[in-house]
PDB file of N, CA and C in Angstrom:
ATOM      1  N   MET A   1       0.983  -1.194   0.129  1.00  0.00           N
ATOM      2  CA  MET A   1       0.036   0.034  -0.092  1.00  0.00           C
ATOM      3  C   MET A   1       0.822   0.819   0.207  1.00  0.00           C
ATOM      4  N   THR A   2       0.507   2.555  -1.074  1.00  0.00           N
ATOM      5  CA  THR A   2       1.358   3.670  -0.830  1.00  0.00           C
ATOM      6  C   THR A   2       0.306   4.299  -0.413  1.00  0.00           C
ATOM      7  N   LEU A   3       1.043   5.512   0.532  1.00  0.00           N
ATOM      8  CA  LEU A   3       0.312   6.438   1.049  1.00  0.00           C
ATOM      9  C   LEU A   3       1.108   7.590   0.585  1.00  0.00           C
ATOM     10  N   ARG A   4      -0.401   8.435   0.306  1.00  0.00           N
ATOM     11  CA  ARG A   4       0.479   9.751  -0.375  1.00  0.00           C
ATOM     12  C   ARG A   4       0.906  10.916   0.478  1.00  0.00           C
ATOM     13  N   TYR A   5       2.326  11.215   0.165  1.00  0.00           N
ATOM     14  CA  TYR A   5       2.968  12.211   0.739  1.00  0.00           C
ATOM     15  C   TYR A   5       1.862  13.629   0.730  1.00  0.00           C
ATOM     16  N   GLU A   6       1.770  14.467   1.769  1.00  0.00           N
ATOM     17  CA  GLU A   6       1.321  15.508   1.910  1.00  0.00           C
ATOM     18  C   GLU A   6       2.225  16.817   2.802  1.00  0.00           C
ATOM     19  N   PRO A   7       3.019  17.351   1.954  1.00  0.00           N
ATOM     20  CA  PRO A   7       4.011  18.193   2.679  1.00  0.00           C
ATOM     21  C   PRO A   7       2.916  19.233   3.602  1.00  0.00           C
ATOM     22  N   ILE A   8       2.959  19.689   4.569  1.00  0.00           N
ATOM     23  CA  ILE A   8       2.674  20.231   5.425  1.00  0.00           C
ATOM     24  C   ILE A   8       2.194  21.872   5.219  1.00  0.00           C
ATOM     25  N   GLU A   9       3.042  21.813   4.053  1.00  0.00           N
ATOM     26  CA  GLU A   9       2.539  23.208   3.702  1.00  0.00           C
ATOM     27  C   GLU A   9       1.528  23.190   2.473  1.00  0.00           C
ATOM     28  N   ALA A  10       1.262  22.594   1.811  1.00  0.00           N
ATOM     29  CA  ALA A  10       0.460  21.989   1.052  1.00  0.00           C
ATOM     30  C   ALA A  10      -0.991  22.348   1.873  1.00  0.00           C
ATOM     31  N   HIS A  11      -0.927  21.972   3.122  1.00  0.00           N
ATOM     32  CA  HIS A  11      -2.498  22.240   3.780  1.00  0.00           C
ATOM     33  C   HIS A  11      -2.745  23.601   4.125  1.00  0.00           C
ATOM     34  N   TYR A  12      -1.486  24.477   4.162  1.00  0.00           N
ATOM     35  CA  TYR A  12      -1.522  25.653   4.391  1.00  0.00           C
ATOM     36  C   TYR A  12      -1.939  26.693   2.790  1.00  0.00           C
ATOM     37  N   VAL A  13      -1.656  25.803   1.936  1.00  0.00           N
ATOM     38  CA  VAL A  13      -1.677  26.766   0.539  1.00  0.00           C
ATOM     39  C   VAL A  13      -3.023  26.316   0.500  1.00  0.00           C
ATOM     40  N   HIS A  14      -3.725  25.109   0.614  1.00  0.00           N
ATOM     41  CA  HIS A  14      -4.942  25.062   0.138  1.00  0.00           C
ATOM     42  C   HIS A  14      -5.988  26.081   1.300  1.00  0.00           C
ATOM     43  N   SER A  15      -5.581  26.251   2.671  1.00  0.00           N
ATOM     44  CA  SER A  15      -6.313  26.940   3.423  1.00  0.00           C
ATOM     45  C   SER A  15      -6.586  28.276   2.594  1.00  0.00           C
ATOM     46  N   GLN A  16      -5.414  29.023   2.538  1.00  0.00           N
ATOM     47  CA  GLN A  16      -5.431  30.445   1.826  1.00  0.00           C
ATOM     48  C   GLN A  16      -6.627  30.161   0.327  1.00  0.00           C
ATOM     49  N   ARG A  17      -6.234  29.117  -0.471  1.00  0.00           N
ATOM     50  CA  ARG A  17      -6.993  29.113  -1.614  1.00  0.00           C
ATOM     51  C   ARG A  17      -8.380  28.958  -1.588  1.00  0.00           C
ATOM     52  N   LEU A  18      -9.076  27.771  -0.083  1.00  0.00           N
ATOM     53  CA  LEU A  18     -10.280  27.734  -0.194  1.00  0.00           C
ATOM     54  C   LEU A  18     -11.081  29.163   0.327  1.00  0.00           C
ATOM     55  N   ILE A  19     -10.199  29.859   1.464  1.00  0.00           N
ATOM     56  CA  ILE A  19     -11.098  31.079   1.949  1.00  0.00           C
ATOM     57  C   ILE A  19     -11.181  32.112   0.801  1.00  0.00           C
ATOM     58  N   LEU A  20     -10.288  32.306  -0.286  1.00  0.00           N
ATOM     59  CA  LEU A  20     -10.847  32.919  -1.443  1.00  0.00           C
ATOM     60  C   LEU A  20     -11.990  32.378  -2.242  1.00  0.00           C
ATOM     61  N   HIS A  21     -11.660  31.269  -2.271  1.00  0.00           N
ATOM     62  CA  HIS A  21     -12.870  30.549  -3.239  1.00  0.00           C
ATOM     63  C   HIS A  21     -14.419  30.592  -2.433  1.00  0.00           C
ATOM     64  N   ALA A  22     -14.170  30.409  -0.850  1.00  0.00           N
ATOM     65  CA  ALA A  22     -15.752  30.728  -0.419  1.00  0.00           C
ATOM     66  C   ALA A  22     -15.814  32.025  -0.645  1.00  0.00           C
ATOM     67  N   GLU A  23     -15.325  33.099  -0.580  1.00  0.00           N
ATOM     68  CA  GLU A  23     -15.943  34.538  -1.178  1.00  0.00           C
ATOM     69  C   GLU A  23     -16.627  34.581  -2.669  1.00  0.00           C
ATOM     70  N   GLU A  24     -15.698  33.850  -3.469  1.00  0.00           N
ATOM     71  CA  GLU A  24     -16.087  33.978  -4.554  1.00  0.00           C
ATOM     72  C   GLU A  24     -17.632  33.090  -4.975  1.00  0.00           C
ATOM     73  N   LYS A  25     -17.339  32.304  -4.164  1.00  0.00           N
ATOM     74  CA  LYS A  25     -18.797  31.531  -4.164  1.00  0.00           C
ATOM     75  C   LYS A  25     -19.877  32.463  -3.798  1.00  0.00           C
ATOM     76  N   LEU A  26     -19.581  32.674  -2.702  1.00  0.00           N
ATOM     77  CA  LEU A  26     -20.536  33.525  -1.879  1.00  0.00           C
ATOM     78  C   LEU A  26     -21.202  35.234  -2.960  1.00  0.00           C
ATOM     79  N   ALA A  27     -20.091  35.512  -3.393  1.00  0.00           N
ATOM     80  CA  ALA A  27     -20.479  36.637  -4.933  1.00  0.00           C
ATOM     81  C   ALA A  27     -21.169  35.857  -5.752  1.00  0.00           C
ATOM     82  N   GLU A  28     -21.116  34.657  -5.784  1.00  0.00           N
ATOM     83  CA  GLU A  28     -22.097  34.139  -7.076  1.00  0.00           C
ATOM     84  C   GLU A  28     -23.256  33.464  -6.629  1.00  0.00           C
ATOM     85  N   GLY A  29     -23.496  33.631  -5.310  1.00  0.00           N
ATOM     86  CA  GLY A  29     -24.835  33.525  -4.802  1.00  0.00           C
ATOM     87  C   GLY A  29     -24.899  31.695  -4.388  1.00  0.00           C
ATOM     88  N   ASP A  30     -23.717  31.279  -4.502  1.00  0.00           N
ATOM     89  CA  ASP A  30     -23.857  29.408  -4.430  1.00  0.00           C
ATOM     90  C   ASP A  30     -23.430  29.341  -2.527  1.00  0.00           C
ATOM     91  N   ARG A  31     -24.547  29.216  -1.493  1.00  0.00           N
ATOM     92  CA  ARG A  31     -24.594  29.364  -0.460  1.00  0.00           C
ATOM     93  C   ARG A  31     -23.745  28.036  -0.102  1.00  0.00           C
ATOM     94  N   ILE A  32     -24.148  26.936  -0.815  1.00  0.00           N
ATOM     95  CA  ILE A  32     -23.186  25.526  -0.157  1.00  0.00           C
ATOM     96  C   ILE A  32     -22.115  25.247  -0.723  1.00  0.00           C
ATOM     97  N   GLN A  33     -21.492  26.299  -1.732  1.00  0.00           N
ATOM     98  CA  GLN A  33     -20.290  26.149  -2.061  1.00  0.00           C
ATOM     99  C   GLN A  33     -19.607  26.918  -0.872  1.00  0.00           C
ATOM    100  N   ALA A  34     -20.021  28.287  -0.822  1.00  0.00           N
ATOM    101  CA  ALA A  34     -19.404  29.129   0.031  1.00  0.00           C
ATOM    102  C   ALA A  34     -19.286  28.440   1.373  1.00  0.00           C
ATOM    103  N   SER A  35     -20.096  28.432   1.758  1.00  0.00           N
ATOM    104  CA  SER A  35     -20.088  27.286   2.982  1.00  0.00           C
ATOM    105  C   SER A  35     -19.177  26.179   2.989  1.00  0.00           C
ATOM    106  N   GLU A  36     -18.844  25.280   2.406  1.00  0.00           N
ATOM    107  CA  GLU A  36     -17.901  24.072   2.396  1.00  0.00           C
ATOM    108  C   GLU A  36     -16.762  24.524   2.196  1.00  0.00           C
ATOM    109  N   LYS A  37     -16.396  26.025   1.030  1.00  0.00           N
ATOM    110  CA  LYS A  37     -15.232  26.177   0.985  1.00  0.00           C
ATOM    111  C   LYS A  37     -14.172  26.797   2.661  1.00  0.00           C
ATOM    112  N   ALA A  38     -15.289  27.411   3.310  1.00  0.00           N
ATOM    113  CA  ALA A  38     -14.978  28.539   4.363  1.00  0.00           C
ATOM    114  C   ALA A  38     -14.641  27.569   5.579  1.00  0.00           C
ATOM    115  N   TRP A  39     -15.580  26.266   5.582  1.00  0.00           N
ATOM    116  CA  TRP A  39     -15.174  25.107   6.300  1.00  0.00           C
ATOM    117  C   TRP A  39     -13.568  24.842   5.994  1.00  0.00           C
ATOM    118  N   GLY A  40     -13.677  24.120   4.503  1.00  0.00           N
ATOM    119  CA  GLY A  40     -12.126  23.708   4.241  1.00  0.00           C
ATOM    120  C   GLY A  40     -10.627  24.268   4.441  1.00  0.00           C
ATOM    121  N   ALA A  41     -11.554  25.771   4.452  1.00  0.00           N
ATOM    122  CA  ALA A  41      -9.785  26.364   4.924  1.00  0.00           C
ATOM    123  C   ALA A  41      -9.726  26.548   6.336  1.00  0.00           C
ATOM    124  N   VAL A  42     -10.641  26.453   7.232  1.00  0.00           N
ATOM    125  CA  VAL A  42     -10.208  25.794   8.672  1.00  0.00           C
ATOM    126  C   VAL A  42      -9.836  24.678   8.493  1.00  0.00           C
ATOM    127  N   ALA A  43     -10.269  23.373   8.303  1.00  0.00           N
ATOM    128  CA  ALA A  43     -10.231  22.026   8.454  1.00  0.00           C
ATOM    129  C   ALA A  43      -8.324  21.937   7.902  1.00  0.00           C
ATOM    130  N   HIS A  44      -8.495  22.845   6.582  1.00  0.00           N
ATOM    131  CA  HIS A  44      -6.902  22.436   6.223  1.00  0.00           C
ATOM    132  C   HIS A  44      -5.762  23.162   7.342  1.00  0.00           C
ATOM    133  N   TYR A  45      -6.031  24.614   7.399  1.00  0.00           N
ATOM    134  CA  TYR A  45      -5.484  25.314   8.280  1.00  0.00           C
ATOM    135  C   TYR A  45      -5.239  24.438   9.614  1.00  0.00           C
ATOM    136  N   PHE A  46      -6.398  23.642  10.523  1.00  0.00           N
ATOM    137  CA  PHE A  46      -6.221  22.854  11.430  1.00  0.00           C
ATOM    138  C   PHE A  46      -4.887  21.614  11.238  1.00  0.00           C
ATOM    139  N   LYS A  47      -5.197  21.240  10.124  1.00  0.00           N
ATOM    140  CA  LYS A  47      -4.229  20.079   9.745  1.00  0.00           C
ATOM    141  C   LYS A  47      -2.719  20.762   9.438  1.00  0.00           C
ATOM    142  N   HIS A  48      -2.807  21.529   8.858  1.00  0.00           N
ATOM    143  CA  HIS A  48      -0.946  21.933   8.839  1.00  0.00           C
ATOM    144  C   HIS A  48      -0.588  22.424  10.139  1.00  0.00           C
ATOM    145  N   LEU A  49      -1.564  23.048  11.166  1.00  0.00           N
ATOM    146  CA  LEU A  49      -1.127  22.949  12.496  1.00  0.00           C
ATOM    147  C   LEU A  49      -0.746  21.694  13.494  1.00  0.00           C
ATOM    148  N   ALA A  50      -1.710  20.730  12.975  1.00  0.00           N
ATOM    149  CA  ALA A  50      -1.747  19.555  13.802  1.00  0.00           C
ATOM    150  C   ALA A  50      -0.295  19.049  13.327  1.00  0.00           C
ATOM    151  N   ALA A  51       0.185  19.079  11.891  1.00  0.00           N
ATOM    152  CA  ALA A  51       1.195  18.127  11.571  1.00  0.00           C
ATOM    153  C   ALA A  51       2.386  18.778  12.095  1.00  0.00           C
ATOM    154  N   GLN A  52       2.169  20.299  12.217  1.00  0.00           N
ATOM    155  CA  GLN A  52       3.619  20.944  12.654  1.00  0.00           C
ATOM    156  C   GLN A  52       3.995  20.539  14.261  1.00  0.00           C
ATOM    157  N   ARG A  53       2.739  20.428  14.818  1.00  0.00           N
ATOM    158  CA  ARG A  53       2.917  19.977  16.283  1.00  0.00           C
ATOM    159  C   ARG A  53       3.062  18.472  16.676  1.00  0.00           C
ATOM    160  N   GLY A  54       2.323  17.366  15.679  1.00  0.00           N
ATOM    161  CA  GLY A  54       2.387  16.117  15.448  1.00  0.00           C
ATOM    162  C   GLY A  54       1.263  15.641  16.558  1.00  0.00           C
ATOM    163  N   TRP A  55       0.294  16.761  15.967  1.00  0.00           N
ATOM    164  CA  TRP A  55      -1.169  16.187  16.614  1.00  0.00           C
ATOM    165  C   TRP A  55      -1.883  15.191  15.753  1.00  0.00           C
ATOM    166  N   ARG A  56      -2.746  14.465  16.499  1.00  0.00           N
ATOM    167  CA  ARG A  56      -3.350  13.755  15.387  1.00  0.00           C
ATOM    168  C   ARG A  56      -4.754  14.389  14.827  1.00  0.00           C
ATOM    169  N   TYR A  57      -4.948  14.027  13.820  1.00  0.00           N
ATOM    170  CA  TYR A  57      -5.937  14.953  12.988  1.00  0.00           C
ATOM    171  C   TYR A  57      -6.291  13.696  11.718  1.00  0.00           C
ATOM    172  N   VAL A  58      -7.378  12.794  12.168  1.00  0.00           N
ATOM    173  CA  VAL A  58      -8.401  12.061  11.302  1.00  0.00           C
ATOM    174  C   VAL A  58      -9.487  11.981  11.080  1.00  0.00           C
ATOM    175  N   THR A  59     -10.077  12.576  12.334  1.00  0.00           N
ATOM    176  CA  THR A  59     -11.490  12.597  12.484  1.00  0.00           C
ATOM    177  C   THR A  59     -12.310  14.049  12.767  1.00  0.00           C
ATOM    178  N   HIS A  60     -13.387  14.114  12.807  1.00  0.00           N
ATOM    179  CA  HIS A  60     -14.326  15.705  12.853  1.00  0.00           C
ATOM    180  C   HIS A  60     -13.803  15.774  14.534  1.00  0.00           C
ATOM    181  N   ALA A  61     -13.953  14.414  15.244  1.00  0.00           N
ATOM    182  CA  ALA A  61     -13.683  14.786  16.673  1.00  0.00           C
ATOM    183  C   ALA A  61     -12.349  15.362  16.909  1.00  0.00           C
ATOM    184  N   ASP A  62     -11.073  15.070  16.269  1.00  0.00           N
ATOM    185  CA  ASP A  62     -10.021  15.257  16.327  1.00  0.00           C
ATOM    186  C   ASP A  62     -10.072  17.090  16.202  1.00  0.00           C
ATOM    187  N   ALA A  63     -10.554  17.400  14.964  1.00  0.00           N
ATOM    188  CA  ALA A  63     -10.667  19.081  15.086  1.00  0.00           C
ATOM    189  C   ALA A  63     -11.116  19.228  16.320  1.00  0.00           C
ATOM    190  N   PHE A  64     -12.128  19.510  16.784  1.00  0.00           N
ATOM    191  CA  PHE A  64     -12.614  19.867  17.864  1.00  0.00           C
ATOM    192  C   PHE A  64     -11.504  19.725  19.263  1.00  0.00           C
ATOM    193  N   ARG A  65     -10.884  18.832  19.366  1.00  0.00           N
ATOM    194  CA  ARG A  65      -9.896  18.695  20.386  1.00  0.00           C
ATOM    195  C   ARG A  65      -8.643  19.359  19.810  1.00  0.00           C
ATOM    196  N   ILE A  66      -8.343  19.637  18.796  1.00  0.00           N
ATOM    197  CA  ILE A  66      -7.310  20.682  18.437  1.00  0.00           C
ATOM    198  C   ILE A  66      -8.041  21.899  18.543  1.00  0.00           C
ATOM    199  N   SER A  67      -9.286  22.643  18.567  1.00  0.00           N
ATOM    200  CA  SER A  67      -9.624  23.757  18.537  1.00  0.00           C
ATOM    201  C   SER A  67      -9.283  23.854  20.408  1.00  0.00           C
ATOM    202  N   ASP A  68      -9.136  23.067  20.895  1.00  0.00           N
ATOM    203  CA  ASP A  68      -9.224  23.134  22.042  1.00  0.00           C
ATOM    204  C   ASP A  68      -7.724  23.253  22.816  1.00  0.00           C
ATOM    205  N   ARG A  69      -6.882  22.400  22.093  1.00  0.00           N
ATOM    206  CA  ARG A  69      -5.795  22.730  22.616  1.00  0.00           C
ATOM    207  C   ARG A  69      -5.308  24.280  21.799  1.00  0.00           C
ATOM    208  N   LEU A  70      -5.290  24.482  20.949  1.00  0.00           N
ATOM    209  CA  LEU A  70      -5.184  25.725  19.898  1.00  0.00           C
ATOM    210  C   LEU A  70      -5.304  26.853  20.797  1.00  0.00           C
ATOM    211  N   ALA A  71      -6.904  26.921  21.362  1.00  0.00           N
ATOM    212  CA  ALA A  71      -7.115  27.915  22.169  1.00  0.00           C
ATOM    213  C   ALA A  71      -6.358  28.321  23.674  1.00  0.00           C
ATOM    214  N   ALA A  72      -5.925  26.607  24.087  1.00  0.00           N
ATOM    215  CA  ALA A  72      -5.088  27.024  25.024  1.00  0.00           C
ATOM    216  C   ALA A  72      -3.828  27.544  24.767  1.00  0.00           C
ATOM    217  N   GLU A  73      -3.231  27.162  23.691  1.00  0.00           N
ATOM    218  CA  GLU A  73      -2.001  27.084  23.426  1.00  0.00           C
ATOM    219  C   GLU A  73      -1.780  28.611  23.057  1.00  0.00           C
ATOM    220  N   LEU A  74      -2.659  29.558  22.446  1.00  0.00           N
ATOM    221  CA  LEU A  74      -2.791  30.673  22.037  1.00  0.00           C
ATOM    222  C   LEU A  74      -3.319  31.698  22.947  1.00  0.00           C
ATOM    223  N   GLU A  75      -3.372  31.015  23.867  1.00  0.00           N
ATOM    224  CA  GLU A  75      -4.360  31.762  24.922  1.00  0.00           C
ATOM    225  C   GLU A  75      -5.451  32.910  24.693  1.00  0.00           C
ATOM    226  N   GLU A  76      -6.388  32.005  23.369  1.00  0.00           N
ATOM    227  CA  GLU A  76      -7.463  33.019  23.069  1.00  0.00           C
ATOM    228  C   GLU A  76      -8.678  31.974  22.517  1.00  0.00           C
ATOM    229  N   PRO A  77      -9.524  31.959  23.915  1.00  0.00           N
ATOM    230  CA  PRO A  77     -10.635  30.831  23.919  1.00  0.00           C
ATOM    231  C   PRO A  77     -11.442  31.487  22.592  1.00  0.00           C
ATOM    232  N   ARG A  78     -11.365  32.468  21.894  1.00  0.00           N
ATOM    233  CA  ARG A  78     -12.078  32.990  20.629  1.00  0.00           C
ATOM    234  C   ARG A  78     -12.079  31.784  19.489  1.00  0.00           C
ATOM    235  N   VAL A  79     -10.696  31.119  19.636  1.00  0.00           N
ATOM    236  CA  VAL A  79     -10.680  30.029  18.866  1.00  0.00           C
ATOM    237  C   VAL A  79     -11.618  28.971  18.735  1.00  0.00           C
ATOM    238  N   LYS A  80     -11.916  28.508  20.075  1.00  0.00           N
ATOM    239  CA  LYS A  80     -12.729  27.556  20.076  1.00  0.00           C
ATOM    240  C   LYS A  80     -14.431  28.505  19.668  1.00  0.00           C
ATOM    241  N   THR A  81     -15.151  29.363  20.015  1.00  0.00           N
ATOM    242  CA  THR A  81     -16.073  30.210  19.238  1.00  0.00           C
ATOM    243  C   THR A  81     -16.304  30.005  17.942  1.00  0.00           C
ATOM    244  N   LEU A  82     -15.220  30.683  17.369  1.00  0.00           N
ATOM    245  CA  LEU A  82     -14.850  30.799  16.127  1.00  0.00           C
ATOM    246  C   LEU A  82     -14.635  29.649  14.802  1.00  0.00           C
ATOM    247  N   PHE A  83     -14.300  28.262  15.880  1.00  0.00           N
ATOM    248  CA  PHE A  83     -14.313  26.907  14.852  1.00  0.00           C
ATOM    249  C   PHE A  83     -15.424  26.659  15.252  1.00  0.00           C
ATOM    250  N   SER A  84     -16.348  26.395  16.397  1.00  0.00           N
ATOM    251  CA  SER A  84     -17.781  26.566  15.827  1.00  0.00           C
ATOM    252  C   SER A  84     -18.516  26.869  14.817  1.00  0.00           C
ATOM    253  N   VAL A  85     -18.002  28.216  14.585  1.00  0.00           N
ATOM    254  CA  VAL A  85     -18.864  28.858  13.169  1.00  0.00           C
ATOM    255  C   VAL A  85     -18.571  28.149  12.255  1.00  0.00           C
ATOM    256  N   ALA A  86     -17.298  27.698  11.957  1.00  0.00           N
ATOM    257  CA  ALA A  86     -16.667  27.306  10.866  1.00  0.00           C
ATOM    258  C   ALA A  86     -17.404  25.967  10.614  1.00  0.00           C
ATOM    259  N   ASN A  87     -17.593  25.018  11.759  1.00  0.00           N
ATOM    260  CA  ASN A  87     -17.979  24.025  11.841  1.00  0.00           C
ATOM    261  C   ASN A  87     -19.770  23.597  11.342  1.00  0.00           C
ATOM    262  N   SER A  88     -20.485  24.832  11.916  1.00  0.00           N
ATOM    263  CA  SER A  88     -21.739  24.659  11.576  1.00  0.00           C
ATOM    264  C   SER A  88     -21.961  25.463   9.370  1.00  0.00           C
ATOM    265  N   MET A  89     -21.005  26.230   9.337  1.00  0.00           N
ATOM    266  CA  MET A  89     -20.719  26.091   7.873  1.00  0.00           C
ATOM    267  C   MET A  89     -20.827  24.599   6.964  1.00  0.00           C
ATOM    268  N   HIS A  90     -19.918  23.945   7.938  1.00  0.00           N
ATOM    269  CA  HIS A  90     -19.663  22.593   7.220  1.00  0.00           C
ATOM    270  C   HIS A  90     -21.345  21.999   7.125  1.00  0.00           C
ATOM    271  N   GLY A  91     -21.670  22.109   8.329  1.00  0.00           N
ATOM    272  CA  GLY A  91     -23.071  21.331   8.384  1.00  0.00           C
ATOM    273  C   GLY A  91     -23.981  21.935   7.301  1.00  0.00           C
ATOM    274  N   ASN A  92     -24.264  23.448   7.255  1.00  0.00           N
ATOM    275  CA  ASN A  92     -24.948  24.107   5.974  1.00  0.00           C
ATOM    276  C   ASN A  92     -24.667  23.387   4.455  1.00  0.00           C
ATOM    277  N   PHE A  93     -23.659  22.692   4.168  1.00  0.00           N
ATOM    278  CA  PHE A  93     -23.180  22.428   3.090  1.00  0.00           C
ATOM    279  C   PHE A  93     -23.996  21.186   3.050  1.00  0.00           C
ATOM    280  N   TYR A  94     -24.490  20.720   4.296  1.00  0.00           N
ATOM    281  CA  TYR A  94     -25.622  19.303   4.032  1.00  0.00           C
ATOM    282  C   TYR A  94     -27.013  19.783   4.322  1.00  0.00           C
ATOM    283  N   GLN A  95     -27.256  21.150   4.767  1.00  0.00           N
ATOM    284  CA  GLN A  95     -28.689  21.754   5.237  1.00  0.00           C
ATOM    285  C   GLN A  95     -29.217  22.733   4.244  1.00  0.00           C
ATOM    286  N   ASP A  96     -27.956  23.260   3.940  1.00  0.00           N
ATOM    287  CA  ASP A  96     -28.531  24.835   2.892  1.00  0.00           C
ATOM    288  C   ASP A  96     -29.881  25.383   3.483  1.00  0.00           C
ATOM    289  N   GLN A  97     -29.396  25.784   5.009  1.00  0.00           N
ATOM    290  CA  GLN A  97     -30.714  26.605   5.574  1.00  0.00           C
ATOM    291  C   GLN A  97     -30.043  28.220   6.266  1.00  0.00           C
ATOM    292  N   LYS A  98     -29.185  28.562   5.981  1.00  0.00           N
ATOM    293  CA  LYS A  98     -28.397  30.025   5.861  1.00  0.00           C
ATOM    294  C   LYS A  98     -28.860  30.919   4.346  1.00  0.00           C
ATOM    295  N   SER A  99     -28.665  32.109   5.203  1.00  0.00           N
ATOM    296  CA  SER A  99     -29.195  32.898   3.686  1.00  0.00           C
ATOM    297  C   SER A  99     -27.595  33.533   3.621  1.00  0.00           C
ATOM    298  N   LEU A 100     -27.598  33.503   2.242  1.00  0.00           N
ATOM    299  CA  LEU A 100     -26.405  34.760   1.870  1.00  0.00           C
ATOM    300  C   LEU A 100     -25.805  35.550   2.966  1.00  0.00           C
ATOM    301  N   ASP A 101     -26.669  36.305   3.513  1.00  0.00           N
ATOM    302  CA  ASP A 101     -26.288  37.623   4.086  1.00  0.00           C
ATOM    303  C   ASP A 101     -25.572  36.647   5.516  1.00  0.00           C
ATOM    304  N   HIS A 102     -26.135  35.723   6.260  1.00  0.00           N
ATOM    305  CA  HIS A 102     -25.417  34.951   7.302  1.00  0.00           C
ATOM    306  C   HIS A 102     -24.628  34.580   6.585  1.00  0.00           C
ATOM    307  N   ILE A 103     -24.168  33.553   5.676  1.00  0.00           N
ATOM    308  CA  ILE A 103     -23.052  32.753   4.910  1.00  0.00           C
ATOM    309  C   ILE A 103     -21.775  34.258   5.306  1.00  0.00           C
ATOM    310  N   GLY A 104     -22.485  35.192   4.615  1.00  0.00           N
ATOM    311  CA  GLY A 104     -21.227  36.308   4.490  1.00  0.00           C
ATOM    312  C   GLY A 104     -20.763  36.992   5.777  1.00  0.00           C
ATOM    313  N   GLN A 105     -21.436  36.967   6.674  1.00  0.00           N
ATOM    314  CA  GLN A 105     -21.083  37.266   8.232  1.00  0.00           C
ATOM    315  C   GLN A 105     -19.837  36.042   8.868  1.00  0.00           C
ATOM    316  N   GLU A 106     -20.382  34.801   8.446  1.00  0.00           N
ATOM    317  CA  GLU A 106     -19.841  33.807   8.979  1.00  0.00           C
ATOM    318  C   GLU A 106     -18.191  33.324   8.446  1.00  0.00           C
ATOM    319  N   ILE A 107     -18.535  33.829   7.085  1.00  0.00           N
ATOM    320  CA  ILE A 107     -17.262  34.178   6.228  1.00  0.00           C
ATOM    321  C   ILE A 107     -16.004  34.867   6.676  1.00  0.00           C
ATOM    322  N   GLU A 108     -16.571  36.016   7.382  1.00  0.00           N
ATOM    323  CA  GLU A 108     -15.824  36.969   8.035  1.00  0.00           C
ATOM    324  C   GLU A 108     -15.239  36.457   9.386  1.00  0.00           C
ATOM    325  N   GLU A 109     -16.177  35.451   9.929  1.00  0.00           N
ATOM    326  CA  GLU A 109     -15.481  34.931  11.352  1.00  0.00           C
ATOM    327  C   GLU A 109     -14.911  34.147  11.174  1.00  0.00           C
ATOM    328  N   VAL A 110     -14.853  33.353   9.993  1.00  0.00           N
ATOM    329  CA  VAL A 110     -13.878  32.397   9.663  1.00  0.00           C
ATOM    330  C   VAL A 110     -12.565  33.094   9.393  1.00  0.00           C
ATOM    331  N   LYS A 111     -12.141  33.808   8.531  1.00  0.00           N
ATOM    332  CA  LYS A 111     -11.430  34.936   8.570  1.00  0.00           C
ATOM    333  C   LYS A 111     -10.489  34.927   9.935  1.00  0.00           C
ATOM    334  N   ALA A 112     -11.445  35.565  10.747  1.00  0.00           N
ATOM    335  CA  ALA A 112     -11.045  36.457  11.896  1.00  0.00           C
ATOM    336  C   ALA A 112     -10.127  35.012  12.578  1.00  0.00           C
ATOM    337  N   LEU A 113     -10.968  34.082  12.446  1.00  0.00           N
ATOM    338  CA  LEU A 113     -10.249  32.511  13.159  1.00  0.00           C
ATOM    339  C   LEU A 113      -8.895  32.583  12.046  1.00  0.00           C
ATOM    340  N   LEU A 114      -8.683  32.566  11.148  1.00  0.00           N
ATOM    341  CA  LEU A 114      -7.742  32.344  10.316  1.00  0.00           C
ATOM    342  C   LEU A 114      -6.367  33.187  10.919  1.00  0.00           C
ATOM    343  N   ASP A 115      -6.619  34.419  10.637  1.00  0.00           N
ATOM    344  CA  ASP A 115      -6.168  35.539  11.143  1.00  0.00           C
ATOM    345  C   ASP A 115      -5.357  35.137  12.630  1.00  0.00           C
ATOM    346  N   ILE A 116      -6.279  34.807  13.773  1.00  0.00           N
ATOM    347  CA  ILE A 116      -5.798  34.210  14.861  1.00  0.00           C
ATOM    348  C   ILE A 116      -4.721  33.237  14.853  1.00  0.00           C
ATOM    349  N   LEU A 117      -5.107  32.114  13.966  1.00  0.00           N
ATOM    350  CA  LEU A 117      -4.481  31.661  13.616  1.00  0.00           C
ATOM    351  C   LEU A 117      -3.015  31.715  13.131  1.00  0.00           C
ATOM    352  N   ARG A 118      -2.889  32.417  12.406  1.00  0.00           N
ATOM    353  CA  ARG A 118      -1.951  33.139  11.478  1.00  0.00           C
ATOM    354  C   ARG A 118      -1.179  33.750  12.838  1.00  0.00           C
ATOM    355  N   ARG A 119      -1.382  34.380  13.406  1.00  0.00           N
ATOM    356  CA  ARG A 119      -0.747  35.250  13.972  1.00  0.00           C
ATOM    357  C   ARG A 119       0.011  34.586  15.423  1.00  0.00           C
ATOM    358  N   GLY A 120      -1.083  33.732  15.604  1.00  0.00           N
ATOM    359  CA  GLY A 120       0.002  32.599  16.986  1.00  0.00           C
ATOM    360  C   GLY A 120       0.604  31.362  16.501  1.00  0.00           C
ATOM    361  N   GLU A 121       0.755  31.164  14.941  1.00  0.00           N
ATOM    362  CA  GLU A 121       1.851  30.467  14.490  1.00  0.00           C
ATOM    363  C   GLU A 121       2.993  31.283  14.267  1.00  0.00           C
ATOM    364  N   ASN A 122       2.886  32.964  13.798  1.00  0.00           N
ATOM    365  CA  ASN A 122       3.868  33.597  13.964  1.00  0.00           C
ATOM    366  C   ASN A 122       4.633  34.151  15.060  1.00  0.00           C
ATOM    367  N   SER A 123       4.025  34.415  15.839  1.00  0.00           N
ATOM    368  CA  SER A 123       4.381  34.895  17.357  1.00  0.00           C
ATOM    369  C   SER A 123       4.792  33.707  17.837  1.00  0.00           C
ATOM    370  N   ASN A 124       4.860  32.346  17.579  1.00  0.00           N
ATOM    371  CA  ASN A 124       5.487  31.118  18.208  1.00  0.00           C
ATOM    372  C   ASN A 124       6.424  30.476  17.522  1.00  0.00           C
ATOM    373  N   GLY A 125       7.123  31.395  16.241  1.00  0.00           N
ATOM    374  CA  GLY A 125       8.164  31.136  15.873  1.00  0.00           C
ATOM    375  C   GLY A 125       8.223  30.035  14.564  1.00  0.00           C
ATOM    376  N   ARG A 126       7.026  29.560  14.606  1.00  0.00           N
ATOM    377  CA  ARG A 126       6.824  28.216  13.640  1.00  0.00           C
ATOM    378  C   ARG A 126       6.664  28.765  12.062  1.00  0.00           C
TER     379      ARG A 126
END
């Protein structure tokens, strides 16, 4: 069995690309894809950070544990709250319940989470 090699940096690049795609899909009026792209941006950034730290990230439950660990590490409790927003966007991919305005506001929250994570990563010398 051959395992696919994924460099840590690939997840960071995917995260940056996906948040841009989320904004594009929002502008196109595609609620489902805007929601999922925003979630994907966070999921890939978490994969990036988890890989740097040697943390497990295989399941959705792992993502919640990572949000707890990052909130503690960065001394920023908003990480957990903003992660919950991103997770609700993942749910919207399946439910399609949110308005474009609501999704737009949540994309801004996801961008705030990504900014917190980026600042924390830079301040820790990673």
